[in-house]
N, C-alpha and C. Protein backbone atom coordinates (compact mmCIF):
# COMPACT_ATOMS: atom_id res chain seq x y z
N UNK A 1 20.82 26.02 22.22
CA UNK A 1 21.86 26.63 21.00
C UNK A 1 21.81 25.78 19.77
N UNK A 2 22.56 24.47 20.09
CA UNK A 2 22.95 23.36 19.53
C UNK A 2 21.63 23.17 19.01
N UNK A 3 20.42 23.17 19.40
CA UNK A 3 19.60 23.05 18.27
C UNK A 3 19.14 23.39 17.12
N UNK A 4 19.65 24.72 16.96
CA UNK A 4 19.73 25.38 15.77
C UNK A 4 20.77 24.93 15.13
N UNK A 5 21.57 23.65 15.06
CA UNK A 5 22.53 22.93 14.33
C UNK A 5 22.06 22.66 13.93
N UNK A 6 21.37 21.73 14.49
CA UNK A 6 19.74 20.15 13.93
C UNK A 6 19.31 20.95 13.15
N UNK A 7 18.16 21.80 13.56
CA UNK A 7 17.15 22.55 12.69
C UNK A 7 17.43 23.14 11.46
N UNK A 8 18.57 23.62 11.23
CA UNK A 8 18.94 24.53 10.03
C UNK A 8 19.38 23.24 9.35
N UNK A 9 19.81 22.73 9.05
CA UNK A 9 19.70 21.48 7.70
C UNK A 9 18.82 20.75 7.90
N UNK A 10 17.57 20.45 9.35
CA UNK A 10 16.40 19.17 8.48
C UNK A 10 15.47 20.12 8.00
N UNK A 11 15.61 21.64 7.79
CA UNK A 11 14.70 22.44 7.32
C UNK A 11 15.38 22.51 6.36
N UNK A 12 16.05 23.49 5.36
CA UNK A 12 17.06 23.33 4.73
C UNK A 12 16.52 22.00 3.91
N UNK A 13 16.54 20.39 4.12
CA UNK A 13 16.36 19.60 3.40
C UNK A 13 14.74 19.65 3.39
N UNK A 14 14.01 19.24 3.77
CA UNK A 14 11.91 20.33 4.26
C UNK A 14 12.23 20.48 2.61
N UNK A 15 12.85 21.75 2.84
CA UNK A 15 12.86 23.18 0.91
C UNK A 15 12.72 22.86 0.42
N UNK A 16 14.21 21.65 0.44
CA UNK A 16 14.64 20.70 -1.41
C UNK A 16 13.36 19.69 -1.70
N UNK A 17 13.25 18.93 -0.37
CA UNK A 17 12.29 18.09 -1.11
C UNK A 17 11.38 18.92 -2.12
N UNK A 18 10.04 19.77 -1.09
CA UNK A 18 9.31 20.58 -1.25
C UNK A 18 9.46 21.14 -2.90
N UNK A 19 10.62 21.80 -3.10
CA UNK A 19 10.58 22.52 -4.48
C UNK A 19 11.62 21.41 -4.94
N UNK A 20 11.53 20.60 -4.37
CA UNK A 20 11.49 19.06 -6.29
C UNK A 20 10.29 18.40 -6.34
N UNK A 21 9.81 18.79 -5.44
CA UNK A 21 8.37 17.90 -5.85
C UNK A 21 7.83 18.85 -6.28
N UNK A 22 7.57 20.67 -6.61
CA UNK A 22 6.82 21.07 -6.84
C UNK A 22 7.38 21.34 -8.02
N UNK A 23 8.47 21.34 -8.75
CA UNK A 23 8.72 21.23 -10.49
C UNK A 23 8.44 19.68 -10.75
N UNK A 24 8.26 18.45 -10.12
CA UNK A 24 8.22 17.00 -10.70
C UNK A 24 6.38 17.67 -11.11
N UNK A 25 5.91 18.09 -10.18
CA UNK A 25 4.43 17.59 -10.23
C UNK A 25 4.20 19.33 -11.91
N UNK A 26 4.88 20.63 -11.82
CA UNK A 26 4.74 21.20 -12.87
C UNK A 26 5.38 20.94 -13.94
N UNK A 27 6.49 19.94 -14.24
CA UNK A 27 7.08 18.89 -15.28
C UNK A 27 5.94 18.00 -15.80
N UNK A 28 5.53 17.18 -14.96
CA UNK A 28 4.28 16.55 -15.39
C UNK A 28 3.17 15.90 -15.49
N UNK A 29 3.39 17.84 -15.60
CA UNK A 29 1.31 18.97 -16.39
C UNK A 29 0.29 18.41 -15.22
N UNK A 30 0.49 18.29 -13.92
CA UNK A 30 -0.64 18.42 -13.05
C UNK A 30 -0.85 19.54 -12.33
N UNK A 31 -0.43 20.74 -12.71
CA UNK A 31 -1.21 22.27 -13.08
C UNK A 31 -1.93 22.90 -14.07
N UNK A 32 -1.73 22.20 -15.09
CA UNK A 32 -2.49 22.00 -17.00
C UNK A 32 -3.60 22.54 -16.54
N UNK A 33 -4.56 21.44 -16.17
CA UNK A 33 -6.14 22.44 -16.27
C UNK A 33 -6.78 21.84 -14.75
N UNK A 34 -6.81 23.54 -14.21
CA UNK A 34 -7.43 23.95 -12.31
C UNK A 34 -8.69 23.44 -12.04
N UNK A 35 -9.42 24.05 -13.63
CA UNK A 35 -10.81 24.42 -13.77
C UNK A 35 -11.77 22.99 -13.77
N UNK A 36 -11.33 22.50 -14.59
CA UNK A 36 -12.24 21.19 -14.70
C UNK A 36 -12.49 20.14 -13.53
N UNK A 37 -11.52 19.67 -13.07
CA UNK A 37 -11.60 18.86 -12.11
C UNK A 37 -12.90 19.22 -10.86
N UNK A 38 -12.76 20.22 -10.58
CA UNK A 38 -13.69 20.65 -9.37
C UNK A 38 -15.12 21.22 -10.26
N UNK A 39 -15.82 20.50 -11.64
CA UNK A 39 -16.78 21.02 -12.35
C UNK A 39 -17.46 19.63 -12.11
N UNK A 40 -16.34 18.78 -12.80
CA UNK A 40 -16.67 17.38 -13.17
C UNK A 40 -18.06 16.32 -12.44
N UNK A 41 -17.64 16.25 -10.81
CA UNK A 41 -18.92 16.10 -10.19
C UNK A 41 -20.57 16.59 -10.66
N UNK A 42 -20.18 18.44 -10.82
CA UNK A 42 -21.27 19.31 -11.06
C UNK A 42 -22.07 18.07 -12.45
N UNK A 43 -21.03 17.82 -13.01
CA UNK A 43 -22.09 17.93 -14.40
C UNK A 43 -22.45 16.89 -14.76
N UNK A 44 -24.19 16.62 -15.03
CA UNK A 44 -24.97 14.80 -15.30
C UNK A 44 -24.25 14.52 -16.96
N UNK A 45 -24.51 13.54 -16.42
CA UNK A 45 -23.91 11.76 -16.79
C UNK A 45 -24.80 11.73 -18.01
N UNK A 46 -24.78 11.07 -19.23
CA UNK A 46 -25.28 10.66 -20.57
C UNK A 46 -25.45 9.60 -20.38
N UNK A 47 -27.60 9.62 -20.49
CA UNK A 47 -28.06 8.08 -20.22
C UNK A 47 -28.05 6.96 -21.32
N UNK A 48 -27.19 6.23 -20.98
CA UNK A 48 -26.21 5.12 -21.82
C UNK A 48 -28.10 4.69 -23.13
N UNK A 49 -27.59 4.68 -24.13
CA UNK A 49 -29.08 4.32 -25.51
C UNK A 49 -29.48 3.15 -24.89
N UNK A 50 -30.71 2.47 -24.96
CA UNK A 50 -31.78 1.58 -24.53
C UNK A 50 -30.62 0.80 -25.45
N UNK A 51 -30.75 -1.01 -25.04
CA UNK A 51 -29.67 -1.90 -25.76
C UNK A 51 -31.35 -2.45 -26.61
N UNK A 52 -30.98 -2.54 -27.93
CA UNK A 52 -31.83 -3.94 -28.40
C UNK A 52 -32.74 -4.93 -27.63
N UNK A 53 -34.23 -4.75 -27.40
CA UNK A 53 -34.46 -5.87 -27.58
C UNK A 53 -34.84 -7.40 -27.77
N UNK A 54 -34.36 -7.96 -27.26
CA UNK A 54 -33.89 -9.55 -27.76
C UNK A 54 -35.03 -10.17 -27.25
N UNK A 55 -36.43 -9.87 -26.35
CA UNK A 55 -37.51 -10.82 -26.53
C UNK A 55 -38.30 -10.56 -27.43
N UNK A 56 -39.66 -11.23 -27.31
CA UNK A 56 -40.64 -11.54 -28.30
C UNK A 56 -41.17 -10.37 -27.59
N UNK A 57 -41.86 -8.81 -28.74
CA UNK A 57 -42.93 -8.12 -28.22
C UNK A 57 -44.19 -9.22 -27.63
N UNK A 58 -45.15 -9.32 -27.13
CA UNK A 58 -46.08 -9.18 -26.81
C UNK A 58 -47.36 -8.71 -27.17
N UNK A 59 -48.14 -9.23 -28.03
CA UNK A 59 -49.72 -8.09 -28.72
C UNK A 59 -50.95 -9.03 -27.81
N UNK A 60 -51.62 -8.31 -27.75
CA UNK A 60 -53.47 -8.41 -27.36
C UNK A 60 -53.46 -9.57 -27.57
N UNK A 61 -53.02 -10.06 -28.96
CA UNK A 61 -53.75 -11.95 -28.90
C UNK A 61 -53.39 -12.26 -28.24
N UNK A 62 -51.79 -12.60 -27.88
CA UNK A 62 -51.03 -13.40 -27.59
C UNK A 62 -51.43 -13.83 -25.90
N UNK A 63 -52.45 -13.44 -25.35
CA UNK A 63 -52.74 -12.62 -24.48
C UNK A 63 -53.72 -13.19 -24.02
N UNK A 64 -54.95 -13.50 -25.19
CA UNK A 64 -55.76 -14.00 -24.68
C UNK A 64 -56.30 -15.52 -24.68
N UNK A 65 -56.54 -15.90 -24.06
CA UNK A 65 -56.74 -17.32 -23.23
C UNK A 65 -57.31 -18.06 -24.56
N UNK A 66 -57.17 -19.42 -25.08
CA UNK A 66 -57.43 -20.34 -26.25
C UNK A 66 -58.80 -20.63 -25.66
N UNK A 67 -59.32 -20.11 -27.16
CA UNK A 67 -61.09 -20.68 -26.81
C UNK A 67 -61.29 -22.08 -26.79
């Protein structure tokens, strides 16, 4: 019977903390968008645009050995 005197305040403390965490999360917009985070890993990333090449272009004339 004495354990009930300990369990009731501990349970009330846990419930108060859980309700406080829920309202904190709701106040800080944690539940605004529930659909996008689950779909983000499935979306394909866009390939980055190729960077302009700074190397000189080689052509067939430059590959021939000198005469």
